[in-house]
Amino acid sequence: MAKKGIIHYIKHDFLLYLMLVIPVAYILIFKYAPMYGIQIAFKDYNIFKGINSSPWNDFETFKQVFSSKQFFQVVRNTLVLNGLDLIVGFPAPILLAILLNELVSTKFKKASQTILYLPHFLSWVIIGGIVAQLFSPTGMLNALIADMGGHGFPFLTDKYAWVGTYILVGVWQNAGWGTILYLAAMTGIDNQLYEAAEADGAGRFKKIWHITLPGIRPTIVILMILQLGNIMAINFDRPFNIQNNLVMDFGDVISTYVYRVGIQSADFSLGTAVGLFQSVICLIFLVSSNYISRKLGDDGIW
């Protein structure tokens, strides 16, 4: 049988290939094309001269970055906050998905899912305003504590309390949306396994432990690899809208540091160098976690 070429497959599945044009164009334009600007990190970039005409600086930007105490502080803060997000936030959607899957009432289940998904659609600007109204020293929660005869709690003014508030607000915003993938994975588990386990006398918790969790294990592993790959990456919106000057020792992270130094101070070379360092570390974590996962017998991303 003659081997079919790429032209044959394009003609046969023309509409499918046509659907790929927009996402591929998006990736090329907004993901690959900006990589041209990476060379700013290696130059004394001048906005008026442009990238090509700016002189090379013999890695002076990176020397400046790695000699800065503030840089290592923001790296520490990023790792700590992302690490706590991983420890506290990663199991939350798994637990919620299991609880939703065990609900008998379909109407209550749909209503619960809607309520849990809603915070995901709120921007961090709105959430930042809600956090300020609830947790500030004069906020609703501290006012309630004072009315009950207690003393106000420094949710947003003490750096350790701020970290706890930051993590719990993140769990509230993301956990419900994260259940979607796990619930989808649970639909692929054969119901006959549950019926056989029930016939053998297994209770609800044993069925969860021996059937549900092993059934969604591949999904858990893949999402864990992706989150480990982003251990050095942190969104700008969340810390920027919740932090304040009193908690900058813990609240200043790589994304806010790049914004402050690279954009507000117009030091584009330094901002690009920090961003490049962040991307390289994320890539190392992603490849390493995928390699370890495959060595332990699980399916990785590739």
C-alpha atoms as a PDB file:
ATOM      1  CA  MET A   1       0.000   0.000   0.000  1.00  0.00           C
ATOM      2  CA  ALA A   2       1.382   3.379  -1.038  1.00  0.00           C
ATOM      3  CA  LYS A   3       2.204   5.723   1.814  1.00  0.00           C
ATOM      4  CA  LYS A   4      -0.164   8.682   1.948  1.00  0.00           C
ATOM      5  CA  GLY A   5       1.418  12.129   2.051  1.00  0.00           C
ATOM      6  CA  ILE A   6       0.505  15.230   4.025  1.00  0.00           C
ATOM      7  CA  ILE A   7      -1.398  16.643   0.998  1.00  0.00           C
ATOM      8  CA  HIS A   8      -3.792  13.689   1.129  1.00  0.00           C
ATOM      9  CA  TYR A   9      -4.571  14.242   4.812  1.00  0.00           C
ATOM     10  CA  ILE A  10      -5.028  18.000   4.325  1.00  0.00           C
ATOM     11  CA  LYS A  11      -7.526  17.361   1.504  1.00  0.00           C
ATOM     12  CA  HIS A  12      -9.305  14.658   3.507  1.00  0.00           C
ATOM     13  CA  ASP A  13      -9.600  16.689   6.735  1.00  0.00           C
ATOM     14  CA  PHE A  14      -9.536  20.172   5.255  1.00  0.00           C
ATOM     15  CA  LEU A  15     -12.012  21.678   7.721  1.00  0.00           C
ATOM     16  CA  LEU A  16     -10.144  20.315  10.739  1.00  0.00           C
ATOM     17  CA  TYR A  17      -6.865  21.815   9.530  1.00  0.00           C
ATOM     18  CA  LEU A  18      -8.666  25.081   8.785  1.00  0.00           C
ATOM     19  CA  MET A  19      -9.876  25.211  12.394  1.00  0.00           C
ATOM     20  CA  LEU A  20      -6.236  25.040  13.509  1.00  0.00           C
ATOM     21  CA  VAL A  21      -5.290  28.236  11.673  1.00  0.00           C
ATOM     22  CA  ILE A  22      -6.562  30.654  14.343  1.00  0.00           C
ATOM     23  CA  PRO A  23      -5.011  28.943  17.424  1.00  0.00           C
ATOM     24  CA  VAL A  24      -1.717  28.373  15.605  1.00  0.00           C
ATOM     25  CA  ALA A  25      -1.662  32.016  14.451  1.00  0.00           C
ATOM     26  CA  TYR A  26      -2.404  33.117  18.038  1.00  0.00           C
ATOM     27  CA  ILE A  27       0.501  31.080  19.409  1.00  0.00           C
ATOM     28  CA  LEU A  28       2.904  32.307  16.731  1.00  0.00           C
ATOM     29  CA  ILE A  29       1.948  35.980  17.103  1.00  0.00           C
ATOM     30  CA  PHE A  30       1.525  36.257  20.873  1.00  0.00           C
ATOM     31  CA  LYS A  31       3.843  33.505  22.168  1.00  0.00           C
ATOM     32  CA  TYR A  32       6.722  33.037  19.738  1.00  0.00           C
ATOM     33  CA  ALA A  33       7.036  36.488  18.150  1.00  0.00           C
ATOM     34  CA  PRO A  34       7.602  38.262  21.510  1.00  0.00           C
ATOM     35  CA  MET A  35      10.623  35.990  22.099  1.00  0.00           C
ATOM     36  CA  TYR A  36      12.489  38.357  19.795  1.00  0.00           C
ATOM     37  CA  GLY A  37      12.484  40.811  22.686  1.00  0.00           C
ATOM     38  CA  ILE A  38      14.382  38.447  24.992  1.00  0.00           C
ATOM     39  CA  GLN A  39      17.624  39.988  23.743  1.00  0.00           C
ATOM     40  CA  ILE A  40      16.702  43.157  25.672  1.00  0.00           C
ATOM     41  CA  ALA A  41      17.929  41.307  28.776  1.00  0.00           C
ATOM     42  CA  PHE A  42      21.423  41.170  27.253  1.00  0.00           C
ATOM     43  CA  LYS A  43      21.542  44.791  26.093  1.00  0.00           C
ATOM     44  CA  ASP A  44      21.621  48.309  27.498  1.00  0.00           C
ATOM     45  CA  TYR A  45      18.221  48.843  26.009  1.00  0.00           C
ATOM     46  CA  ASN A  46      17.295  52.339  24.905  1.00  0.00           C
ATOM     47  CA  ILE A  47      13.689  52.828  23.896  1.00  0.00           C
ATOM     48  CA  PHE A  48      14.658  55.480  21.350  1.00  0.00           C
ATOM     49  CA  LYS A  49      17.391  53.369  19.699  1.00  0.00           C
ATOM     50  CA  GLY A  50      15.287  50.201  19.580  1.00  0.00           C
ATOM     51  CA  ILE A  51      16.325  46.616  20.183  1.00  0.00           C
ATOM     52  CA  ASN A  52      18.723  46.205  17.262  1.00  0.00           C
ATOM     53  CA  SER A  53      20.619  49.468  17.804  1.00  0.00           C
ATOM     54  CA  SER A  54      20.977  49.112  21.583  1.00  0.00           C
ATOM     55  CA  PRO A  55      24.486  47.930  22.583  1.00  0.00           C
ATOM     56  CA  TRP A  56      25.198  44.548  24.182  1.00  0.00           C
ATOM     57  CA  ASN A  57      26.125  44.808  27.863  1.00  0.00           C
ATOM     58  CA  ASP A  58      28.181  41.644  28.478  1.00  0.00           C
ATOM     59  CA  PHE A  59      25.643  40.145  30.959  1.00  0.00           C
ATOM     60  CA  GLU A  60      25.788  43.241  33.172  1.00  0.00           C
ATOM     61  CA  THR A  61      22.019  43.124  33.643  1.00  0.00           C
ATOM     62  CA  PHE A  62      22.159  39.607  35.070  1.00  0.00           C
ATOM     63  CA  LYS A  63      25.074  40.573  37.309  1.00  0.00           C
ATOM     64  CA  GLN A  64      22.946  43.427  38.627  1.00  0.00           C
ATOM     65  CA  VAL A  65      19.994  41.101  39.191  1.00  0.00           C
ATOM     66  CA  PHE A  66      21.926  38.422  41.081  1.00  0.00           C
ATOM     67  CA  SER A  67      23.715  40.987  43.237  1.00  0.00           C
ATOM     68  CA  SER A  68      20.426  42.493  44.435  1.00  0.00           C
ATOM     69  CA  LYS A  69      19.116  41.399  47.855  1.00  0.00           C
ATOM     70  CA  GLN A  70      15.630  42.503  46.848  1.00  0.00           C
ATOM     71  CA  PHE A  71      15.656  40.078  43.933  1.00  0.00           C
ATOM     72  CA  PHE A  72      16.314  37.084  46.185  1.00  0.00           C
ATOM     73  CA  GLN A  73      13.601  38.315  48.540  1.00  0.00           C
ATOM     74  CA  VAL A  74      10.979  38.362  45.774  1.00  0.00           C
ATOM     75  CA  VAL A  75      12.152  34.916  44.598  1.00  0.00           C
ATOM     76  CA  ARG A  76      11.711  33.621  48.153  1.00  0.00           C
ATOM     77  CA  ASN A  77       8.274  35.193  48.428  1.00  0.00           C
ATOM     78  CA  THR A  78       7.213  33.723  45.085  1.00  0.00           C
ATOM     79  CA  LEU A  79       8.354  30.226  46.084  1.00  0.00           C
ATOM     80  CA  VAL A  80       6.718  30.458  49.518  1.00  0.00           C
ATOM     81  CA  LEU A  81       3.356  31.703  48.233  1.00  0.00           C
ATOM     82  CA  ASN A  82       3.265  29.248  45.324  1.00  0.00           C
ATOM     83  CA  GLY A  83       4.405  26.424  47.615  1.00  0.00           C
ATOM     84  CA  LEU A  84       1.591  27.170  50.074  1.00  0.00           C
ATOM     85  CA  ASP A  85      -0.844  27.418  47.163  1.00  0.00           C
ATOM     86  CA  LEU A  86       0.314  23.956  46.090  1.00  0.00           C
ATOM     87  CA  ILE A  87      -0.025  22.459  49.585  1.00  0.00           C
ATOM     88  CA  VAL A  88      -3.371  24.074  50.463  1.00  0.00           C
ATOM     89  CA  GLY A  89      -4.920  24.911  47.114  1.00  0.00           C
ATOM     90  CA  PHE A  90      -4.099  21.821  45.051  1.00  0.00           C
ATOM     91  CA  PRO A  91      -6.041  19.265  47.160  1.00  0.00           C
ATOM     92  CA  ALA A  92      -9.049  21.601  47.536  1.00  0.00           C
ATOM     93  CA  PRO A  93     -10.640  20.996  44.086  1.00  0.00           C
ATOM     94  CA  ILE A  94     -10.021  17.256  44.427  1.00  0.00           C
ATOM     95  CA  LEU A  95     -11.898  17.194  47.731  1.00  0.00           C
ATOM     96  CA  LEU A  96     -14.694  19.377  46.351  1.00  0.00           C
ATOM     97  CA  ALA A  97     -15.037  17.208  43.246  1.00  0.00           C
ATOM     98  CA  ILE A  98     -15.328  14.064  45.369  1.00  0.00           C
ATOM     99  CA  LEU A  99     -17.963  15.698  47.587  1.00  0.00           C
ATOM    100  CA  LEU A 100     -19.958  16.910  44.571  1.00  0.00           C
ATOM    101  CA  ASN A 101     -19.697  13.492  42.941  1.00  0.00           C
ATOM    102  CA  GLU A 102     -21.156  11.872  46.054  1.00  0.00           C
ATOM    103  CA  LEU A 103     -24.217  14.137  46.143  1.00  0.00           C
ATOM    104  CA  VAL A 104     -27.453  12.310  45.395  1.00  0.00           C
ATOM    105  CA  SER A 105     -29.689  15.305  44.669  1.00  0.00           C
ATOM    106  CA  THR A 106     -29.041  16.510  41.103  1.00  0.00           C
ATOM    107  CA  LYS A 107     -30.643  19.927  41.728  1.00  0.00           C
ATOM    108  CA  PHE A 108     -28.547  20.567  44.832  1.00  0.00           C
ATOM    109  CA  LYS A 109     -25.438  19.410  42.996  1.00  0.00           C
ATOM    110  CA  LYS A 110     -26.019  21.843  40.101  1.00  0.00           C
ATOM    111  CA  ALA A 111     -26.760  24.710  42.491  1.00  0.00           C
ATOM    112  CA  SER A 112     -23.592  23.946  44.483  1.00  0.00           C
ATOM    113  CA  GLN A 113     -21.489  23.844  41.311  1.00  0.00           C
ATOM    114  CA  THR A 114     -22.847  27.223  40.188  1.00  0.00           C
ATOM    115  CA  ILE A 115     -22.044  28.809  43.542  1.00  0.00           C
ATOM    116  CA  LEU A 116     -18.558  27.280  43.591  1.00  0.00           C
ATOM    117  CA  TYR A 117     -17.756  28.332  39.994  1.00  0.00           C
ATOM    118  CA  LEU A 118     -18.895  31.952  40.456  1.00  0.00           C
ATOM    119  CA  PRO A 119     -15.726  33.354  42.165  1.00  0.00           C
ATOM    120  CA  HIS A 120     -13.616  32.284  39.175  1.00  0.00           C
ATOM    121  CA  PHE A 121     -15.430  34.829  36.991  1.00  0.00           C
ATOM    122  CA  LEU A 122     -14.667  37.744  39.305  1.00  0.00           C
ATOM    123  CA  SER A 123     -11.598  39.788  38.417  1.00  0.00           C
ATOM    124  CA  TRP A 124      -8.911  40.232  41.054  1.00  0.00           C
ATOM    125  CA  VAL A 125      -9.677  43.947  41.096  1.00  0.00           C
ATOM    126  CA  ILE A 126     -13.175  43.147  42.352  1.00  0.00           C
ATOM    127  CA  ILE A 127     -11.864  40.475  44.728  1.00  0.00           C
ATOM    128  CA  GLY A 128      -9.278  42.937  46.051  1.00  0.00           C
ATOM    129  CA  GLY A 129     -12.095  45.363  46.862  1.00  0.00           C
ATOM    130  CA  ILE A 130     -14.063  42.599  48.606  1.00  0.00           C
ATOM    131  CA  VAL A 131     -10.995  41.597  50.624  1.00  0.00           C
ATOM    132  CA  ALA A 132     -10.414  45.214  51.693  1.00  0.00           C
ATOM    133  CA  GLN A 133     -14.049  45.609  52.747  1.00  0.00           C
ATOM    134  CA  LEU A 134     -14.037  42.367  54.733  1.00  0.00           C
ATOM    135  CA  PHE A 135     -10.557  42.083  56.228  1.00  0.00           C
ATOM    136  CA  SER A 136      -9.168  45.608  56.637  1.00  0.00           C
ATOM    137  CA  PRO A 137      -8.768  46.957  60.222  1.00  0.00           C
ATOM    138  CA  THR A 138     -12.061  48.847  59.756  1.00  0.00           C
ATOM    139  CA  GLY A 139     -13.666  46.138  57.652  1.00  0.00           C
ATOM    140  CA  MET A 140     -16.848  44.192  58.283  1.00  0.00           C
ATOM    141  CA  LEU A 141     -15.176  41.188  59.911  1.00  0.00           C
ATOM    142  CA  ASN A 142     -13.143  43.228  62.387  1.00  0.00           C
ATOM    143  CA  ALA A 143     -16.217  45.365  63.130  1.00  0.00           C
ATOM    144  CA  LEU A 144     -18.155  42.177  63.915  1.00  0.00           C
ATOM    145  CA  ILE A 145     -15.353  40.952  66.184  1.00  0.00           C
ATOM    146  CA  ALA A 146     -15.336  44.296  67.987  1.00  0.00           C
ATOM    147  CA  ASP A 147     -19.138  44.195  68.428  1.00  0.00           C
ATOM    148  CA  MET A 148     -18.763  40.785  70.054  1.00  0.00           C
ATOM    149  CA  GLY A 149     -16.259  42.235  72.547  1.00  0.00           C
ATOM    150  CA  GLY A 150     -13.100  40.945  70.884  1.00  0.00           C
ATOM    151  CA  HIS A 151     -10.026  42.652  69.501  1.00  0.00           C
ATOM    152  CA  GLY A 152      -9.540  43.203  65.784  1.00  0.00           C
ATOM    153  CA  PHE A 153      -7.339  40.758  63.888  1.00  0.00           C
ATOM    154  CA  PRO A 154      -4.642  42.096  61.506  1.00  0.00           C
ATOM    155  CA  PHE A 155      -5.712  40.097  58.448  1.00  0.00           C
ATOM    156  CA  LEU A 156      -4.043  42.508  56.020  1.00  0.00           C
ATOM    157  CA  THR A 157      -1.572  44.410  58.193  1.00  0.00           C
ATOM    158  CA  ASP A 158       0.460  41.593  59.778  1.00  0.00           C
ATOM    159  CA  LYS A 159       2.646  39.852  57.197  1.00  0.00           C
ATOM    160  CA  TYR A 160       2.042  36.337  58.547  1.00  0.00           C
ATOM    161  CA  ALA A 161      -1.722  36.866  58.785  1.00  0.00           C
ATOM    162  CA  TRP A 162      -1.641  38.392  55.295  1.00  0.00           C
ATOM    163  CA  VAL A 163      -0.099  35.202  53.874  1.00  0.00           C
ATOM    164  CA  GLY A 164      -2.931  33.133  55.377  1.00  0.00           C
ATOM    165  CA  THR A 165      -5.525  35.537  53.969  1.00  0.00           C
ATOM    166  CA  TYR A 166      -3.822  35.488  50.558  1.00  0.00           C
ATOM    167  CA  ILE A 167      -3.838  31.678  50.389  1.00  0.00           C
ATOM    168  CA  LEU A 168      -7.442  31.238  51.579  1.00  0.00           C
ATOM    169  CA  VAL A 169      -8.744  33.890  49.179  1.00  0.00           C
ATOM    170  CA  GLY A 170      -6.932  32.100  46.345  1.00  0.00           C
ATOM    171  CA  VAL A 171      -8.504  28.784  47.323  1.00  0.00           C
ATOM    172  CA  TRP A 172     -11.951  30.407  47.397  1.00  0.00           C
ATOM    173  CA  GLN A 173     -11.430  31.909  43.946  1.00  0.00           C
ATOM    174  CA  ASN A 174      -9.925  28.863  42.193  1.00  0.00           C
ATOM    175  CA  ALA A 175     -11.112  25.685  43.936  1.00  0.00           C
ATOM    176  CA  GLY A 176     -14.604  25.553  42.446  1.00  0.00           C
ATOM    177  CA  TRP A 177     -13.394  26.030  38.880  1.00  0.00           C
ATOM    178  CA  GLY A 178     -10.680  23.415  39.392  1.00  0.00           C
ATOM    179  CA  THR A 179     -13.308  20.755  40.124  1.00  0.00           C
ATOM    180  CA  ILE A 180     -14.413  20.699  36.483  1.00  0.00           C
ATOM    181  CA  LEU A 181     -11.498  18.561  35.272  1.00  0.00           C
ATOM    182  CA  TYR A 182     -11.788  16.134  38.174  1.00  0.00           C
ATOM    183  CA  LEU A 183     -15.551  15.732  37.753  1.00  0.00           C
ATOM    184  CA  ALA A 184     -14.984  15.086  34.049  1.00  0.00           C
ATOM    185  CA  ALA A 185     -12.385  12.438  34.926  1.00  0.00           C
ATOM    186  CA  MET A 186     -14.816  10.793  37.356  1.00  0.00           C
ATOM    187  CA  THR A 187     -17.408  10.374  34.601  1.00  0.00           C
ATOM    188  CA  GLY A 188     -14.928   8.075  32.848  1.00  0.00           C
ATOM    189  CA  ILE A 189     -14.811   5.627  35.758  1.00  0.00           C
ATOM    190  CA  ASP A 190     -16.775   2.451  35.053  1.00  0.00           C
ATOM    191  CA  ASN A 191     -19.879   2.260  37.279  1.00  0.00           C
ATOM    192  CA  GLN A 192     -19.508  -1.514  37.384  1.00  0.00           C
ATOM    193  CA  LEU A 193     -16.496  -1.050  39.633  1.00  0.00           C
ATOM    194  CA  TYR A 194     -18.659   0.739  42.204  1.00  0.00           C
ATOM    195  CA  GLU A 195     -21.364  -1.916  41.915  1.00  0.00           C
ATOM    196  CA  ALA A 196     -18.841  -4.717  42.414  1.00  0.00           C
ATOM    197  CA  ALA A 197     -17.299  -2.937  45.400  1.00  0.00           C
ATOM    198  CA  GLU A 198     -20.741  -2.385  46.928  1.00  0.00           C
ATOM    199  CA  ALA A 199     -21.561  -6.068  46.427  1.00  0.00           C
ATOM    200  CA  ASP A 200     -18.363  -6.914  48.330  1.00  0.00           C
ATOM    201  CA  GLY A 201     -19.515  -4.747  51.223  1.00  0.00           C
ATOM    202  CA  ALA A 202     -17.373  -1.679  50.568  1.00  0.00           C
ATOM    203  CA  GLY A 203     -18.638   1.533  52.126  1.00  0.00           C
ATOM    204  CA  ARG A 204     -18.613   5.002  50.611  1.00  0.00           C
ATOM    205  CA  PHE A 205     -15.147   5.930  51.894  1.00  0.00           C
ATOM    206  CA  LYS A 206     -13.602   2.669  50.692  1.00  0.00           C
ATOM    207  CA  LYS A 207     -15.086   3.191  47.233  1.00  0.00           C
ATOM    208  CA  ILE A 208     -13.637   6.695  47.137  1.00  0.00           C
ATOM    209  CA  TRP A 209     -10.216   5.476  48.266  1.00  0.00           C
ATOM    210  CA  HIS A 210      -9.967   2.357  46.086  1.00  0.00           C
ATOM    211  CA  ILE A 211     -11.930   3.405  42.970  1.00  0.00           C
ATOM    212  CA  THR A 212     -12.470   7.158  42.653  1.00  0.00           C
ATOM    213  CA  LEU A 213      -8.986   8.354  43.606  1.00  0.00           C
ATOM    214  CA  PRO A 214      -7.144   5.735  41.460  1.00  0.00           C
ATOM    215  CA  GLY A 215      -9.527   6.574  38.612  1.00  0.00           C
ATOM    216  CA  ILE A 216      -8.615  10.265  38.613  1.00  0.00           C
ATOM    217  CA  ARG A 217      -4.946   9.683  39.418  1.00  0.00           C
ATOM    218  CA  PRO A 218      -3.698  10.419  35.851  1.00  0.00           C
ATOM    219  CA  THR A 219      -5.524  13.769  35.934  1.00  0.00           C
ATOM    220  CA  ILE A 220      -4.080  14.572  39.353  1.00  0.00           C
ATOM    221  CA  VAL A 221      -0.547  13.756  38.156  1.00  0.00           C
ATOM    222  CA  ILE A 222      -0.796  15.899  35.009  1.00  0.00           C
ATOM    223  CA  LEU A 223      -2.199  18.903  36.887  1.00  0.00           C
ATOM    224  CA  MET A 224       0.455  18.472  39.574  1.00  0.00           C
ATOM    225  CA  ILE A 225       3.199  18.532  36.909  1.00  0.00           C
ATOM    226  CA  LEU A 226       1.729  21.701  35.379  1.00  0.00           C
ATOM    227  CA  GLN A 227       1.503  23.412  38.761  1.00  0.00           C
ATOM    228  CA  LEU A 228       5.060  22.433  39.651  1.00  0.00           C
ATOM    229  CA  GLY A 229       6.105  23.837  36.294  1.00  0.00           C
ATOM    230  CA  ASN A 230       4.619  27.178  37.362  1.00  0.00           C
ATOM    231  CA  ILE A 231       6.186  27.177  40.820  1.00  0.00           C
ATOM    232  CA  MET A 232       8.216  30.277  39.938  1.00  0.00           C
ATOM    233  CA  ALA A 233       5.459  31.935  37.944  1.00  0.00           C
ATOM    234  CA  ILE A 234       2.869  33.995  39.759  1.00  0.00           C
ATOM    235  CA  ASN A 235       0.020  36.072  38.393  1.00  0.00           C
ATOM    236  CA  PHE A 236       0.356  39.819  38.746  1.00  0.00           C
ATOM    237  CA  ASP A 237      -3.279  40.589  39.591  1.00  0.00           C
ATOM    238  CA  ARG A 238      -3.649  38.586  42.783  1.00  0.00           C
ATOM    239  CA  PRO A 239      -0.708  39.843  44.869  1.00  0.00           C
ATOM    240  CA  PHE A 240      -0.906  43.375  43.440  1.00  0.00           C
ATOM    241  CA  ASN A 241      -4.570  43.823  44.415  1.00  0.00           C
ATOM    242  CA  ILE A 242      -4.230  42.295  47.895  1.00  0.00           C
ATOM    243  CA  GLN A 243      -0.784  43.529  49.015  1.00  0.00           C
ATOM    244  CA  ASN A 244      -0.071  46.789  50.844  1.00  0.00           C
ATOM    245  CA  ASN A 245       3.049  48.596  52.075  1.00  0.00           C
ATOM    246  CA  LEU A 246       2.876  46.917  55.508  1.00  0.00           C
ATOM    247  CA  VAL A 247       3.325  43.392  54.107  1.00  0.00           C
ATOM    248  CA  MET A 248       5.793  43.961  51.262  1.00  0.00           C
ATOM    249  CA  ASP A 249       8.343  41.726  53.015  1.00  0.00           C
ATOM    250  CA  PHE A 250       6.120  38.788  52.027  1.00  0.00           C
ATOM    251  CA  GLY A 251       3.825  40.344  49.445  1.00  0.00           C
ATOM    252  CA  ASP A 252       6.384  41.540  46.892  1.00  0.00           C
ATOM    253  CA  VAL A 253       6.777  38.775  44.281  1.00  0.00           C
ATOM    254  CA  ILE A 254       8.499  38.451  40.912  1.00  0.00           C
ATOM    255  CA  SER A 255       5.559  39.760  38.871  1.00  0.00           C
ATOM    256  CA  THR A 256       5.100  42.890  41.005  1.00  0.00           C
ATOM    257  CA  TYR A 257       8.879  43.397  41.112  1.00  0.00           C
ATOM    258  CA  VAL A 258       9.087  43.253  37.303  1.00  0.00           C
ATOM    259  CA  TYR A 259       6.192  45.722  37.045  1.00  0.00           C
ATOM    260  CA  ARG A 260       7.776  48.134  39.518  1.00  0.00           C
ATOM    261  CA  VAL A 261      11.325  47.928  38.165  1.00  0.00           C
ATOM    262  CA  GLY A 262      10.724  47.188  34.495  1.00  0.00           C
ATOM    263  CA  ILE A 263       7.691  49.400  33.785  1.00  0.00           C
ATOM    264  CA  GLN A 264       7.391  52.032  36.507  1.00  0.00           C
ATOM    265  CA  SER A 265      11.158  52.644  36.652  1.00  0.00           C
ATOM    266  CA  ALA A 266      11.553  52.075  32.878  1.00  0.00           C
ATOM    267  CA  ASP A 267      14.456  49.651  33.407  1.00  0.00           C
ATOM    268  CA  PHE A 268      13.333  47.336  30.627  1.00  0.00           C
ATOM    269  CA  SER A 269      16.579  45.347  30.501  1.00  0.00           C
ATOM    270  CA  LEU A 270      16.354  44.463  34.185  1.00  0.00           C
ATOM    271  CA  GLY A 271      12.665  43.567  33.949  1.00  0.00           C
ATOM    272  CA  THR A 272      13.293  41.334  30.931  1.00  0.00           C
ATOM    273  CA  ALA A 273      16.246  39.618  32.630  1.00  0.00           C
ATOM    274  CA  VAL A 274      14.144  38.773  35.702  1.00  0.00           C
ATOM    275  CA  GLY A 275      11.317  37.490  33.499  1.00  0.00           C
ATOM    276  CA  LEU A 276      13.751  35.332  31.499  1.00  0.00           C
ATOM    277  CA  PHE A 277      15.221  33.877  34.693  1.00  0.00           C
ATOM    278  CA  GLN A 278      11.710  33.078  35.914  1.00  0.00           C
ATOM    279  CA  SER A 279      10.825  31.298  32.656  1.00  0.00           C
ATOM    280  CA  VAL A 280      13.999  29.197  32.672  1.00  0.00           C
ATOM    281  CA  ILE A 281      13.395  28.034  36.256  1.00  0.00           C
ATOM    282  CA  CYS A 282       9.774  27.170  35.414  1.00  0.00           C
ATOM    283  CA  LEU A 283      10.962  25.122  32.426  1.00  0.00           C
ATOM    284  CA  ILE A 284      13.448  23.223  34.621  1.00  0.00           C
ATOM    285  CA  PHE A 285      10.732  22.430  37.177  1.00  0.00           C
ATOM    286  CA  LEU A 286       8.323  21.324  34.441  1.00  0.00           C
ATOM    287  CA  VAL A 287      10.811  18.977  32.748  1.00  0.00           C
ATOM    288  CA  SER A 288      12.049  17.593  36.074  1.00  0.00           C
ATOM    289  CA  SER A 289       8.575  16.892  37.473  1.00  0.00           C
ATOM    290  CA  ASN A 290       7.526  15.243  34.214  1.00  0.00           C
ATOM    291  CA  TYR A 291      10.676  13.078  34.243  1.00  0.00           C
ATOM    292  CA  ILE A 292      10.138  12.021  37.875  1.00  0.00           C
ATOM    293  CA  SER A 293       6.489  11.226  37.162  1.00  0.00           C
ATOM    294  CA  ARG A 294       7.390   8.915  34.282  1.00  0.00           C
ATOM    295  CA  LYS A 295      10.098   7.227  36.344  1.00  0.00           C
ATOM    296  CA  LEU A 296       7.514   6.489  39.061  1.00  0.00           C
ATOM    297  CA  GLY A 297       5.313   4.768  36.499  1.00  0.00           C
ATOM    298  CA  ASP A 298       2.744   7.492  35.838  1.00  0.00           C
ATOM    299  CA  ASP A 299       1.933   9.103  32.520  1.00  0.00           C
ATOM    300  CA  GLY A 300       3.573  12.487  32.086  1.00  0.00           C
ATOM    301  CA  ILE A 301       2.687  15.327  29.758  1.00  0.00           C
ATOM    302  CA  TRP A 302       4.932  13.892  27.060  1.00  0.00           C
END
